[in-house]
Amino acid sequence: MKWAFLISGIVELIGSFICYTSPELVYQGGSAYMMQLYGLAALTLGIINILVFTNFEESKLTKTLGISMMFFHAAVAMKTFGIKSDNITYQNEAIITHVILFLLFLVGYMNGIKPDDNKKL
């Protein structure tokens, strides 16, 4: 899951830069101010992802952050899929990117699950 945080952080930082500096490039017909706010939120998520990557250790907090990021990427992909295609310029690219990030976190989470030695079948 460590590498999922790094990749997600890089993608979010790039996305935040684009959303904040050129909101009209991504979202047509909407409020540029709202897209800039989304860019600031993505910047925060990108920084959190990079910090988790640099200070990564197996813990309940890291697992919880990974699950949160997994949910976030799935939610963004589904919400983007529901937007009218004439409103967002790179709709398919956004969907694919967030689905891939969701899958990275899902695989990382599933690989981190360890069998419980105390339970017998």
PDB file of N, CA and C in Angstrom:
ATOM      1  N   MET A   1       0.824  -1.188   0.000  1.00  0.00           N
ATOM      2  CA  MET A   1       0.000   0.000   0.000  1.00  0.00           C
ATOM      3  C   MET A   1       0.871   1.256   0.000  1.00  0.00           C
ATOM      4  N   LYS A   2       2.119   1.096   0.395  1.00  0.00           N
ATOM      5  CA  LYS A   2       3.021   2.239   0.471  1.00  0.00           C
ATOM      6  C   LYS A   2       3.133   2.939  -0.880  1.00  0.00           C
ATOM      7  N   TRP A   3       3.300   2.168  -1.945  1.00  0.00           N
ATOM      8  CA  TRP A   3       3.475   2.764  -3.271  1.00  0.00           C
ATOM      9  C   TRP A   3       2.183   3.372  -3.789  1.00  0.00           C
ATOM     10  N   ALA A   4       1.053   2.863  -3.348  1.00  0.00           N
ATOM     11  CA  ALA A   4      -0.230   3.456  -3.730  1.00  0.00           C
ATOM     12  C   ALA A   4      -0.329   4.883  -3.187  1.00  0.00           C
ATOM     13  N   PHE A   5       0.181   5.091  -1.970  1.00  0.00           N
ATOM     14  CA  PHE A   5       0.184   6.451  -1.403  1.00  0.00           C
ATOM     15  C   PHE A   5       1.055   7.390  -2.231  1.00  0.00           C
ATOM     16  N   LEU A   6       2.212   6.905  -2.673  1.00  0.00           N
ATOM     17  CA  LEU A   6       3.093   7.758  -3.478  1.00  0.00           C
ATOM     18  C   LEU A   6       2.449   8.118  -4.811  1.00  0.00           C
ATOM     19  N   ILE A   7       1.934   7.124  -5.511  1.00  0.00           N
ATOM     20  CA  ILE A   7       1.326   7.374  -6.823  1.00  0.00           C
ATOM     21  C   ILE A   7       0.103   8.275  -6.673  1.00  0.00           C
ATOM     22  N   SER A   8      -0.722   7.994  -5.675  1.00  0.00           N
ATOM     23  CA  SER A   8      -1.903   8.823  -5.434  1.00  0.00           C
ATOM     24  C   SER A   8      -1.497  10.259  -5.092  1.00  0.00           C
ATOM     25  N   GLY A   9      -0.455  10.409  -4.294  1.00  0.00           N
ATOM     26  CA  GLY A   9       0.018  11.744  -3.934  1.00  0.00           C
ATOM     27  C   GLY A   9       0.487  12.535  -5.140  1.00  0.00           C
ATOM     28  N   ILE A  10       1.236  11.890  -6.010  1.00  0.00           N
ATOM     29  CA  ILE A  10       1.728  12.566  -7.218  1.00  0.00           C
ATOM     30  C   ILE A  10       0.565  12.968  -8.118  1.00  0.00           C
ATOM     31  N   VAL A  11      -0.378  12.037  -8.324  1.00  0.00           N
ATOM     32  CA  VAL A  11      -1.536  12.336  -9.178  1.00  0.00           C
ATOM     33  C   VAL A  11      -2.372  13.468  -8.585  1.00  0.00           C
ATOM     34  N   GLU A  12      -2.582  13.438  -7.281  1.00  0.00           N
ATOM     35  CA  GLU A  12      -3.369  14.501  -6.643  1.00  0.00           C
ATOM     36  C   GLU A  12      -2.654  15.853  -6.715  1.00  0.00           C
ATOM     37  N   LEU A  13      -1.348  15.867  -6.562  1.00  0.00           N
ATOM     38  CA  LEU A  13      -0.609  17.132  -6.673  1.00  0.00           C
ATOM     39  C   LEU A  13      -0.690  17.698  -8.085  1.00  0.00           C
ATOM     40  N   ILE A  14      -0.556  16.839  -9.080  1.00  0.00           N
ATOM     41  CA  ILE A  14      -0.688  17.294 -10.471  1.00  0.00           C
ATOM     42  C   ILE A  14      -2.108  17.792 -10.729  1.00  0.00           C
ATOM     43  N   GLY A  15      -3.096  17.010 -10.273  1.00  0.00           N
ATOM     44  CA  GLY A  15      -4.494  17.408 -10.453  1.00  0.00           C
ATOM     45  C   GLY A  15      -4.828  18.706  -9.748  1.00  0.00           C
ATOM     46  N   SER A  16      -4.266  18.890  -8.557  1.00  0.00           N
ATOM     47  CA  SER A  16      -4.546  20.128  -7.818  1.00  0.00           C
ATOM     48  C   SER A  16      -3.971  21.344  -8.538  1.00  0.00           C
ATOM     49  N   PHE A  17      -2.781  21.178  -9.095  1.00  0.00           N
ATOM     50  CA  PHE A  17      -2.163  22.282  -9.835  1.00  0.00           C
ATOM     51  C   PHE A  17      -3.016  22.664 -11.047  1.00  0.00           C
ATOM     52  N   ILE A  18      -3.498  21.653 -11.777  1.00  0.00           N
ATOM     53  CA  ILE A  18      -4.322  21.916 -12.956  1.00  0.00           C
ATOM     54  C   ILE A  18      -5.657  22.543 -12.556  1.00  0.00           C
ATOM     55  N   CYS A  19      -6.314  21.975 -11.537  1.00  0.00           N
ATOM     56  CA  CYS A  19      -7.623  22.494 -11.116  1.00  0.00           C
ATOM     57  C   CYS A  19      -7.532  23.914 -10.566  1.00  0.00           C
ATOM     58  N   TYR A  20      -6.431  24.224  -9.881  1.00  0.00           N
ATOM     59  CA  TYR A  20      -6.317  25.554  -9.283  1.00  0.00           C
ATOM     60  C   TYR A  20      -5.899  26.610 -10.304  1.00  0.00           C
ATOM     61  N   THR A  21      -4.949  26.279 -11.151  1.00  0.00           N
ATOM     62  CA  THR A  21      -4.435  27.291 -12.079  1.00  0.00           C
ATOM     63  C   THR A  21      -5.256  27.422 -13.358  1.00  0.00           C
ATOM     64  N   SER A  22      -5.854  26.330 -13.820  1.00  0.00           N
ATOM     65  CA  SER A  22      -6.629  26.358 -15.069  1.00  0.00           C
ATOM     66  C   SER A  22      -7.939  25.599 -14.911  1.00  0.00           C
ATOM     67  N   PRO A  23      -8.851  26.071 -14.082  1.00  0.00           N
ATOM     68  CA  PRO A  23     -10.091  25.310 -13.857  1.00  0.00           C
ATOM     69  C   PRO A  23     -10.933  25.151 -15.114  1.00  0.00           C
ATOM     70  N   GLU A  24     -10.842  26.115 -16.028  1.00  0.00           N
ATOM     71  CA  GLU A  24     -11.620  26.031 -17.268  1.00  0.00           C
ATOM     72  C   GLU A  24     -11.125  24.917 -18.188  1.00  0.00           C
ATOM     73  N   LEU A  25      -9.912  24.467 -17.968  1.00  0.00           N
ATOM     74  CA  LEU A  25      -9.365  23.367 -18.760  1.00  0.00           C
ATOM     75  C   LEU A  25     -10.069  22.052 -18.433  1.00  0.00           C
ATOM     76  N   VAL A  26     -10.518  21.905 -17.205  1.00  0.00           N
ATOM     77  CA  VAL A  26     -11.109  20.646 -16.761  1.00  0.00           C
ATOM     78  C   VAL A  26     -12.638  20.693 -16.792  1.00  0.00           C
ATOM     79  N   TYR A  27     -13.214  21.725 -16.210  1.00  0.00           N
ATOM     80  CA  TYR A  27     -14.664  21.765 -16.018  1.00  0.00           C
ATOM     81  C   TYR A  27     -15.264  22.935 -16.783  1.00  0.00           C
ATOM     82  N   GLN A  28     -16.093  22.639 -17.748  1.00  0.00           N
ATOM     83  CA  GLN A  28     -16.710  23.666 -18.585  1.00  0.00           C
ATOM     84  C   GLN A  28     -18.066  24.068 -18.006  1.00  0.00           C
ATOM     85  N   GLY A  29     -18.345  25.334 -17.954  1.00  0.00           N
ATOM     86  CA  GLY A  29     -19.657  25.821 -17.557  1.00  0.00           C
ATOM     87  C   GLY A  29     -19.891  25.875 -16.064  1.00  0.00           C
ATOM     88  N   GLY A  30     -18.921  25.527 -15.271  1.00  0.00           N
ATOM     89  CA  GLY A  30     -19.091  25.564 -13.820  1.00  0.00           C
ATOM     90  C   GLY A  30     -18.386  26.761 -13.229  1.00  0.00           C
ATOM     91  N   SER A  31     -18.461  26.846 -11.944  1.00  0.00           N
ATOM     92  CA  SER A  31     -17.819  27.931 -11.229  1.00  0.00           C
ATOM     93  C   SER A  31     -16.317  27.665 -11.124  1.00  0.00           C
ATOM     94  N   ALA A  32     -15.526  28.596 -11.604  1.00  0.00           N
ATOM     95  CA  ALA A  32     -14.069  28.462 -11.512  1.00  0.00           C
ATOM     96  C   ALA A  32     -13.639  28.478 -10.053  1.00  0.00           C
ATOM     97  N   TYR A  33     -14.350  29.236  -9.241  1.00  0.00           N
ATOM     98  CA  TYR A  33     -14.031  29.314  -7.815  1.00  0.00           C
ATOM     99  C   TYR A  33     -14.197  27.950  -7.146  1.00  0.00           C
ATOM    100  N   MET A  34     -15.264  27.242  -7.470  1.00  0.00           N
ATOM    101  CA  MET A  34     -15.497  25.923  -6.883  1.00  0.00           C
ATOM    102  C   MET A  34     -14.426  24.928  -7.339  1.00  0.00           C
ATOM    103  N   MET A  35     -14.018  25.020  -8.582  1.00  0.00           N
ATOM    104  CA  MET A  35     -12.976  24.119  -9.077  1.00  0.00           C
ATOM    105  C   MET A  35     -11.645  24.437  -8.413  1.00  0.00           C
ATOM    106  N   GLN A  36     -11.380  25.702  -8.132  1.00  0.00           N
ATOM    107  CA  GLN A  36     -10.157  26.057  -7.414  1.00  0.00           C
ATOM    108  C   GLN A  36     -10.193  25.521  -5.983  1.00  0.00           C
ATOM    109  N   LEU A  37     -11.362  25.523  -5.356  1.00  0.00           N
ATOM    110  CA  LEU A  37     -11.493  24.930  -4.021  1.00  0.00           C
ATOM    111  C   LEU A  37     -11.222  23.431  -4.072  1.00  0.00           C
ATOM    112  N   TYR A  38     -11.712  22.765  -5.116  1.00  0.00           N
ATOM    113  CA  TYR A  38     -11.409  21.341  -5.276  1.00  0.00           C
ATOM    114  C   TYR A  38      -9.903  21.146  -5.464  1.00  0.00           C
ATOM    115  N   GLY A  39      -9.271  22.061  -6.187  1.00  0.00           N
ATOM    116  CA  GLY A  39      -7.824  21.991  -6.365  1.00  0.00           C
ATOM    117  C   GLY A  39      -7.083  22.103  -5.041  1.00  0.00           C
ATOM    118  N   LEU A  40      -7.553  22.978  -4.161  1.00  0.00           N
ATOM    119  CA  LEU A  40      -6.934  23.096  -2.835  1.00  0.00           C
ATOM    120  C   LEU A  40      -7.141  21.828  -2.008  1.00  0.00           C
ATOM    121  N   ALA A  41      -8.327  21.233  -2.108  1.00  0.00           N
ATOM    122  CA  ALA A  41      -8.589  19.983  -1.394  1.00  0.00           C
ATOM    123  C   ALA A  41      -7.695  18.864  -1.936  1.00  0.00           C
ATOM    124  N   ALA A  42      -7.531  18.813  -3.255  1.00  0.00           N
ATOM    125  CA  ALA A  42      -6.662  17.802  -3.861  1.00  0.00           C
ATOM    126  C   ALA A  42      -5.206  18.022  -3.455  1.00  0.00           C
ATOM    127  N   LEU A  43      -4.803  19.282  -3.312  1.00  0.00           N
ATOM    128  CA  LEU A  43      -3.451  19.587  -2.847  1.00  0.00           C
ATOM    129  C   LEU A  43      -3.237  19.030  -1.441  1.00  0.00           C
ATOM    130  N   THR A  44      -4.226  19.226  -0.580  1.00  0.00           N
ATOM    131  CA  THR A  44      -4.140  18.706   0.786  1.00  0.00           C
ATOM    132  C   THR A  44      -4.050  17.186   0.789  1.00  0.00           C
ATOM    133  N   LEU A  45      -4.877  16.531  -0.005  1.00  0.00           N
ATOM    134  CA  LEU A  45      -4.825  15.067  -0.091  1.00  0.00           C
ATOM    135  C   LEU A  45      -3.489  14.589  -0.657  1.00  0.00           C
ATOM    136  N   GLY A  46      -2.972  15.293  -1.638  1.00  0.00           N
ATOM    137  CA  GLY A  46      -1.678  14.933  -2.207  1.00  0.00           C
ATOM    138  C   GLY A  46      -0.560  15.027  -1.179  1.00  0.00           C
ATOM    139  N   ILE A  47      -0.573  16.095  -0.395  1.00  0.00           N
ATOM    140  CA  ILE A  47       0.446  16.263   0.651  1.00  0.00           C
ATOM    141  C   ILE A  47       0.311  15.171   1.707  1.00  0.00           C
ATOM    142  N   ILE A  48      -0.918  14.868   2.111  1.00  0.00           N
ATOM    143  CA  ILE A  48      -1.131  13.800   3.097  1.00  0.00           C
ATOM    144  C   ILE A  48      -0.619  12.472   2.556  1.00  0.00           C
ATOM    145  N   ASN A  49      -0.909  12.173   1.297  1.00  0.00           N
ATOM    146  CA  ASN A  49      -0.438  10.926   0.690  1.00  0.00           C
ATOM    147  C   ASN A  49       1.084  10.849   0.664  1.00  0.00           C
ATOM    148  N   ILE A  50       1.732  11.932   0.303  1.00  0.00           N
ATOM    149  CA  ILE A  50       3.197  11.948   0.262  1.00  0.00           C
ATOM    150  C   ILE A  50       3.770  11.786   1.674  1.00  0.00           C
ATOM    151  N   LEU A  51       3.166  12.450   2.661  1.00  0.00           N
ATOM    152  CA  LEU A  51       3.634  12.317   4.040  1.00  0.00           C
ATOM    153  C   LEU A  51       3.460  10.892   4.563  1.00  0.00           C
ATOM    154  N   VAL A  52       2.333  10.263   4.233  1.00  0.00           N
ATOM    155  CA  VAL A  52       2.137   8.872   4.652  1.00  0.00           C
ATOM    156  C   VAL A  52       3.176   7.973   3.985  1.00  0.00           C
ATOM    157  N   PHE A  53       3.472   8.234   2.715  1.00  0.00           N
ATOM    158  CA  PHE A  53       4.490   7.439   2.018  1.00  0.00           C
ATOM    159  C   PHE A  53       5.862   7.591   2.671  1.00  0.00           C
ATOM    160  N   THR A  54       6.251   8.818   2.970  1.00  0.00           N
ATOM    161  CA  THR A  54       7.589   9.038   3.521  1.00  0.00           C
ATOM    162  C   THR A  54       7.727   8.524   4.950  1.00  0.00           C
ATOM    163  N   ASN A  55       6.630   8.476   5.697  1.00  0.00           N
ATOM    164  CA  ASN A  55       6.668   8.003   7.083  1.00  0.00           C
ATOM    165  C   ASN A  55       5.914   6.682   7.239  1.00  0.00           C
ATOM    166  N   PHE A  56       5.909   5.874   6.209  1.00  0.00           N
ATOM    167  CA  PHE A  56       5.079   4.666   6.197  1.00  0.00           C
ATOM    168  C   PHE A  56       5.552   3.631   7.209  1.00  0.00           C
ATOM    169  N   GLU A  57       4.600   3.124   7.959  1.00  0.00           N
ATOM    170  CA  GLU A  57       4.822   1.967   8.822  1.00  0.00           C
ATOM    171  C   GLU A  57       3.469   1.282   8.975  1.00  0.00           C
ATOM    172  N   GLU A  58       3.515  -0.035   9.068  1.00  0.00           N
ATOM    173  CA  GLU A  58       2.274  -0.800   9.204  1.00  0.00           C
ATOM    174  C   GLU A  58       1.606  -0.457  10.537  1.00  0.00           C
ATOM    175  N   SER A  59       0.445   0.159  10.459  1.00  0.00           N
ATOM    176  CA  SER A  59      -0.297   0.499  11.669  1.00  0.00           C
ATOM    177  C   SER A  59      -1.780   0.609  11.322  1.00  0.00           C
ATOM    178  N   LYS A  60      -2.566   0.709  12.355  1.00  0.00           N
ATOM    179  CA  LYS A  60      -4.007   0.856  12.152  1.00  0.00           C
ATOM    180  C   LYS A  60      -4.322   2.186  11.465  1.00  0.00           C
ATOM    181  N   LEU A  61      -3.579   3.235  11.804  1.00  0.00           N
ATOM    182  CA  LEU A  61      -3.788   4.541  11.183  1.00  0.00           C
ATOM    183  C   LEU A  61      -3.494   4.491   9.689  1.00  0.00           C
ATOM    184  N   THR A  62      -2.391   3.862   9.311  1.00  0.00           N
ATOM    185  CA  THR A  62      -2.036   3.761   7.896  1.00  0.00           C
ATOM    186  C   THR A  62      -3.095   2.970   7.137  1.00  0.00           C
ATOM    187  N   LYS A  63      -3.564   1.887   7.743  1.00  0.00           N
ATOM    188  CA  LYS A  63      -4.602   1.077   7.104  1.00  0.00           C
ATOM    189  C   LYS A  63      -5.887   1.885   6.944  1.00  0.00           C
ATOM    190  N   THR A  64      -6.236   2.667   7.965  1.00  0.00           N
ATOM    191  CA  THR A  64      -7.436   3.499   7.904  1.00  0.00           C
ATOM    192  C   THR A  64      -7.308   4.576   6.837  1.00  0.00           C
ATOM    193  N   LEU A  65      -6.135   5.199   6.740  1.00  0.00           N
ATOM    194  CA  LEU A  65      -5.912   6.198   5.690  1.00  0.00           C
ATOM    195  C   LEU A  65      -5.979   5.564   4.310  1.00  0.00           C
ATOM    196  N   GLY A  66      -5.455   4.359   4.173  1.00  0.00           N
ATOM    197  CA  GLY A  66      -5.524   3.647   2.896  1.00  0.00           C
ATOM    198  C   GLY A  66      -6.954   3.344   2.495  1.00  0.00           C
ATOM    199  N   ILE A  67      -7.766   2.893   3.453  1.00  0.00           N
ATOM    200  CA  ILE A  67      -9.174   2.629   3.171  1.00  0.00           C
ATOM    201  C   ILE A  67      -9.897   3.925   2.807  1.00  0.00           C
ATOM    202  N   SER A  68      -9.560   5.014   3.487  1.00  0.00           N
ATOM    203  CA  SER A  68     -10.166   6.317   3.187  1.00  0.00           C
ATOM    204  C   SER A  68      -9.827   6.772   1.773  1.00  0.00           C
ATOM    205  N   MET A  69      -8.571   6.609   1.383  1.00  0.00           N
ATOM    206  CA  MET A  69      -8.161   6.994   0.038  1.00  0.00           C
ATOM    207  C   MET A  69      -8.797   6.080  -1.010  1.00  0.00           C
ATOM    208  N   MET A  70      -8.948   4.797  -0.664  1.00  0.00           N
ATOM    209  CA  MET A  70      -9.612   3.868  -1.568  1.00  0.00           C
ATOM    210  C   MET A  70     -11.051   4.334  -1.813  1.00  0.00           C
ATOM    211  N   PHE A  71     -11.751   4.686  -0.748  1.00  0.00           N
ATOM    212  CA  PHE A  71     -13.121   5.184  -0.871  1.00  0.00           C
ATOM    213  C   PHE A  71     -13.156   6.485  -1.674  1.00  0.00           C
ATOM    214  N   PHE A  72     -12.227   7.387  -1.402  1.00  0.00           N
ATOM    215  CA  PHE A  72     -12.204   8.670  -2.100  1.00  0.00           C
ATOM    216  C   PHE A  72     -12.069   8.469  -3.602  1.00  0.00           C
ATOM    217  N   HIS A  73     -11.119   7.640  -4.024  1.00  0.00           N
ATOM    218  CA  HIS A  73     -10.900   7.439  -5.459  1.00  0.00           C
ATOM    219  C   HIS A  73     -12.089   6.740  -6.110  1.00  0.00           C
ATOM    220  N   ALA A  74     -12.708   5.788  -5.403  1.00  0.00           N
ATOM    221  CA  ALA A  74     -13.906   5.137  -5.947  1.00  0.00           C
ATOM    222  C   ALA A  74     -15.052   6.143  -6.078  1.00  0.00           C
ATOM    223  N   ALA A  75     -15.228   6.988  -5.066  1.00  0.00           N
ATOM    224  CA  ALA A  75     -16.304   7.982  -5.093  1.00  0.00           C
ATOM    225  C   ALA A  75     -16.092   9.008  -6.202  1.00  0.00           C
ATOM    226  N   VAL A  76     -14.863   9.474  -6.381  1.00  0.00           N
ATOM    227  CA  VAL A  76     -14.593  10.447  -7.445  1.00  0.00           C
ATOM    228  C   VAL A  76     -14.843   9.813  -8.817  1.00  0.00           C
ATOM    229  N   ALA A  77     -14.425   8.557  -8.999  1.00  0.00           N
ATOM    230  CA  ALA A  77     -14.646   7.880 -10.274  1.00  0.00           C
ATOM    231  C   ALA A  77     -16.144   7.743 -10.563  1.00  0.00           C
ATOM    232  N   MET A  78     -16.921   7.336  -9.562  1.00  0.00           N
ATOM    233  CA  MET A  78     -18.364   7.172  -9.767  1.00  0.00           C
ATOM    234  C   MET A  78     -19.061   8.508 -10.003  1.00  0.00           C
ATOM    235  N   LYS A  79     -18.662   9.523  -9.240  1.00  0.00           N
ATOM    236  CA  LYS A  79     -19.283  10.843  -9.405  1.00  0.00           C
ATOM    237  C   LYS A  79     -18.925  11.439 -10.769  1.00  0.00           C
ATOM    238  N   THR A  80     -17.686  11.268 -11.183  1.00  0.00           N
ATOM    239  CA  THR A  80     -17.268  11.773 -12.491  1.00  0.00           C
ATOM    240  C   THR A  80     -18.006  11.052 -13.610  1.00  0.00           C
ATOM    241  N   PHE A  81     -18.243   9.764 -13.427  1.00  0.00           N
ATOM    242  CA  PHE A  81     -18.995   8.999 -14.420  1.00  0.00           C
ATOM    243  C   PHE A  81     -20.415   9.544 -14.573  1.00  0.00           C
ATOM    244  N   GLY A  82     -20.992  10.066 -13.487  1.00  0.00           N
ATOM    245  CA  GLY A  82     -22.359  10.574 -13.522  1.00  0.00           C
ATOM    246  C   GLY A  82     -22.501  11.992 -14.051  1.00  0.00           C
ATOM    247  N   ILE A  83     -21.399  12.702 -14.243  1.00  0.00           N
ATOM    248  CA  ILE A  83     -21.463  14.081 -14.747  1.00  0.00           C
ATOM    249  C   ILE A  83     -21.759  14.048 -16.247  1.00  0.00           C
ATOM    250  N   LYS A  84     -22.540  15.018 -16.698  1.00  0.00           N
ATOM    251  CA  LYS A  84     -22.803  15.110 -18.139  1.00  0.00           C
ATOM    252  C   LYS A  84     -21.481  15.320 -18.876  1.00  0.00           C
ATOM    253  N   SER A  85     -21.323  14.617 -19.981  1.00  0.00           N
ATOM    254  CA  SER A  85     -20.037  14.647 -20.694  1.00  0.00           C
ATOM    255  C   SER A  85     -19.717  16.007 -21.304  1.00  0.00           C
ATOM    256  N   ASP A  86     -20.691  16.885 -21.442  1.00  0.00           N
ATOM    257  CA  ASP A  86     -20.389  18.207 -21.994  1.00  0.00           C
ATOM    258  C   ASP A  86     -19.909  19.186 -20.926  1.00  0.00           C
ATOM    259  N   ASN A  87     -19.913  18.761 -19.649  1.00  0.00           N
ATOM    260  CA  ASN A  87     -19.449  19.635 -18.573  1.00  0.00           C
ATOM    261  C   ASN A  87     -17.975  19.452 -18.248  1.00  0.00           C
ATOM    262  N   ILE A  88     -17.476  18.251 -18.379  1.00  0.00           N
ATOM    263  CA  ILE A  88     -16.094  17.971 -17.996  1.00  0.00           C
ATOM    264  C   ILE A  88     -15.308  17.562 -19.239  1.00  0.00           C
ATOM    265  N   THR A  89     -14.156  18.171 -19.409  1.00  0.00           N
ATOM    266  CA  THR A  89     -13.376  17.981 -20.620  1.00  0.00           C
ATOM    267  C   THR A  89     -12.729  16.604 -20.683  1.00  0.00           C
ATOM    268  N   TYR A  90     -12.125  16.174 -19.617  1.00  0.00           N
ATOM    269  CA  TYR A  90     -11.385  14.918 -19.616  1.00  0.00           C
ATOM    270  C   TYR A  90     -12.095  13.888 -18.738  1.00  0.00           C
ATOM    271  N   GLN A  91     -13.369  13.639 -19.021  1.00  0.00           N
ATOM    272  CA  GLN A  91     -14.180  12.771 -18.172  1.00  0.00           C
ATOM    273  C   GLN A  91     -13.642  11.336 -18.147  1.00  0.00           C
ATOM    274  N   ASN A  92     -13.405  10.741 -19.305  1.00  0.00           N
ATOM    275  CA  ASN A  92     -12.930   9.355 -19.341  1.00  0.00           C
ATOM    276  C   ASN A  92     -11.559   9.204 -18.692  1.00  0.00           C
ATOM    277  N   GLU A  93     -10.685  10.180 -18.904  1.00  0.00           N
ATOM    278  CA  GLU A  93      -9.356  10.128 -18.298  1.00  0.00           C
ATOM    279  C   GLU A  93      -9.447  10.194 -16.781  1.00  0.00           C
ATOM    280  N   ALA A  94     -10.332  11.049 -16.264  1.00  0.00           N
ATOM    281  CA  ALA A  94     -10.509  11.163 -14.811  1.00  0.00           C
ATOM    282  C   ALA A  94     -11.066   9.863 -14.234  1.00  0.00           C
ATOM    283  N   ILE A  95     -12.029   9.271 -14.920  1.00  0.00           N
ATOM    284  CA  ILE A  95     -12.616   8.016 -14.444  1.00  0.00           C
ATOM    285  C   ILE A  95     -11.551   6.930 -14.399  1.00  0.00           C
ATOM    286  N   ILE A  96     -10.813   6.772 -15.478  1.00  0.00           N
ATOM    287  CA  ILE A  96      -9.794   5.724 -15.563  1.00  0.00           C
ATOM    288  C   ILE A  96      -8.713   5.936 -14.510  1.00  0.00           C
ATOM    289  N   THR A  97      -8.259   7.168 -14.349  1.00  0.00           N
ATOM    290  CA  THR A  97      -7.213   7.466 -13.366  1.00  0.00           C
ATOM    291  C   THR A  97      -7.655   7.102 -11.953  1.00  0.00           C
ATOM    292  N   HIS A  98      -8.860   7.494 -11.583  1.00  0.00           N
ATOM    293  CA  HIS A  98      -9.318   7.230 -10.222  1.00  0.00           C
ATOM    294  C   HIS A  98      -9.666   5.757 -10.003  1.00  0.00           C
ATOM    295  N   VAL A  99     -10.119   5.070 -11.036  1.00  0.00           N
ATOM    296  CA  VAL A  99     -10.354   3.627 -10.895  1.00  0.00           C
ATOM    297  C   VAL A  99      -9.023   2.901 -10.702  1.00  0.00           C
ATOM    298  N   ILE A 100      -7.996   3.298 -11.448  1.00  0.00           N
ATOM    299  CA  ILE A 100      -6.675   2.681 -11.286  1.00  0.00           C
ATOM    300  C   ILE A 100      -6.140   2.930  -9.876  1.00  0.00           C
ATOM    301  N   LEU A 101      -6.288   4.159  -9.382  1.00  0.00           N
ATOM    302  CA  LEU A 101      -5.832   4.464  -8.022  1.00  0.00           C
ATOM    303  C   LEU A 101      -6.633   3.673  -6.981  1.00  0.00           C
ATOM    304  N   PHE A 102      -7.934   3.538  -7.206  1.00  0.00           N
ATOM    305  CA  PHE A 102      -8.752   2.703  -6.319  1.00  0.00           C
ATOM    306  C   PHE A 102      -8.224   1.271  -6.307  1.00  0.00           C
ATOM    307  N   LEU A 103      -7.932   0.731  -7.478  1.00  0.00           N
ATOM    308  CA  LEU A 103      -7.432  -0.646  -7.558  1.00  0.00           C
ATOM    309  C   LEU A 103      -6.067  -0.791  -6.888  1.00  0.00           C
ATOM    310  N   LEU A 104      -5.203   0.220  -7.014  1.00  0.00           N
ATOM    311  CA  LEU A 104      -3.907   0.175  -6.336  1.00  0.00           C
ATOM    312  C   LEU A 104      -4.087   0.084  -4.817  1.00  0.00           C
ATOM    313  N   PHE A 105      -4.973   0.898  -4.280  1.00  0.00           N
ATOM    314  CA  PHE A 105      -5.220   0.851  -2.842  1.00  0.00           C
ATOM    315  C   PHE A 105      -5.896  -0.463  -2.441  1.00  0.00           C
ATOM    316  N   LEU A 106      -6.797  -0.960  -3.268  1.00  0.00           N
ATOM    317  CA  LEU A 106      -7.462  -2.217  -2.966  1.00  0.00           C
ATOM    318  C   LEU A 106      -6.468  -3.375  -2.928  1.00  0.00           C
ATOM    319  N   VAL A 107      -5.602  -3.449  -3.939  1.00  0.00           N
ATOM    320  CA  VAL A 107      -4.590  -4.514  -3.975  1.00  0.00           C
ATOM    321  C   VAL A 107      -3.620  -4.365  -2.811  1.00  0.00           C
ATOM    322  N   GLY A 108      -3.202  -3.141  -2.518  1.00  0.00           N
ATOM    323  CA  GLY A 108      -2.305  -2.909  -1.383  1.00  0.00           C
ATOM    324  C   GLY A 108      -2.942  -3.310  -0.066  1.00  0.00           C
ATOM    325  N   TYR A 109      -4.213  -2.996   0.079  1.00  0.00           N
ATOM    326  CA  TYR A 109      -4.926  -3.366   1.307  1.00  0.00           C
ATOM    327  C   TYR A 109      -5.062  -4.881   1.413  1.00  0.00           C
ATOM    328  N   MET A 110      -5.430  -5.524   0.321  1.00  0.00           N
ATOM    329  CA  MET A 110      -5.611  -6.978   0.340  1.00  0.00           C
ATOM    330  C   MET A 110      -4.286  -7.702   0.584  1.00  0.00           C
ATOM    331  N   ASN A 111      -3.202  -7.179   0.047  1.00  0.00           N
ATOM    332  CA  ASN A 111      -1.889  -7.790   0.298  1.00  0.00           C
ATOM    333  C   ASN A 111      -1.449  -7.630   1.744  1.00  0.00           C
ATOM    334  N   GLY A 112      -1.932  -6.600   2.408  1.00  0.00           N
ATOM    335  CA  GLY A 112      -1.538  -6.342   3.792  1.00  0.00           C
ATOM    336  C   GLY A 112      -2.335  -7.141   4.815  1.00  0.00           C
ATOM    337  N   ILE A 113      -3.377  -7.821   4.364  1.00  0.00           N
ATOM    338  CA  ILE A 113      -4.179  -8.615   5.297  1.00  0.00           C
ATOM    339  C   ILE A 113      -3.404  -9.872   5.654  1.00  0.00           C
ATOM    340  N   LYS A 114      -3.258 -10.077   6.945  1.00  0.00           N
ATOM    341  CA  LYS A 114      -2.540 -11.256   7.429  1.00  0.00           C
ATOM    342  C   LYS A 114      -3.519 -12.195   8.103  1.00  0.00           C
ATOM    343  N   PRO A 115      -3.300 -13.486   7.960  1.00  0.00           N
ATOM    344  CA  PRO A 115      -4.221 -14.434   8.603  1.00  0.00           C
ATOM    345  C   PRO A 115      -4.139 -14.332  10.124  1.00  0.00           C
ATOM    346  N   ASP A 116      -5.251 -14.535  10.757  1.00  0.00           N
ATOM    347  CA  ASP A 116      -5.317 -14.487  12.209  1.00  0.00           C
ATOM    348  C   ASP A 116      -4.980 -15.863  12.758  1.00  0.00           C
ATOM    349  N   ASP A 117      -3.863 -15.954  13.463  1.00  0.00           N
ATOM    350  CA  ASP A 117      -3.411 -17.233  13.989  1.00  0.00           C
ATOM    351  C   ASP A 117      -4.288 -17.765  15.111  1.00  0.00           C
ATOM    352  N   ASN A 118      -5.057 -16.889  15.743  1.00  0.00           N
ATOM    353  CA  ASN A 118      -5.871 -17.299  16.883  1.00  0.00           C
ATOM    354  C   ASN A 118      -7.156 -18.019  16.463  1.00  0.00           C
ATOM    355  N   LYS A 119      -7.570 -17.802  15.230  1.00  0.00           N
ATOM    356  CA  LYS A 119      -8.811 -18.415  14.775  1.00  0.00           C
ATOM    357  C   LYS A 119      -8.512 -19.726  14.075  1.00  0.00           C
ATOM    358  N   LYS A 120      -9.244 -20.745  14.443  1.00  0.00           N
ATOM    359  CA  LYS A 120      -9.131 -22.057  13.806  1.00  0.00           C
ATOM    360  C   LYS A 120     -10.376 -22.316  12.999  1.00  0.00           C
ATOM    361  N   LEU A 121     -10.209 -22.910  11.837  1.00  0.00           N
ATOM    362  CA  LEU A 121     -11.360 -23.239  11.005  1.00  0.00           C
ATOM    363  C   LEU A 121     -12.053 -24.483  11.471  1.00  0.00           C
TER     364      LEU A 121
END
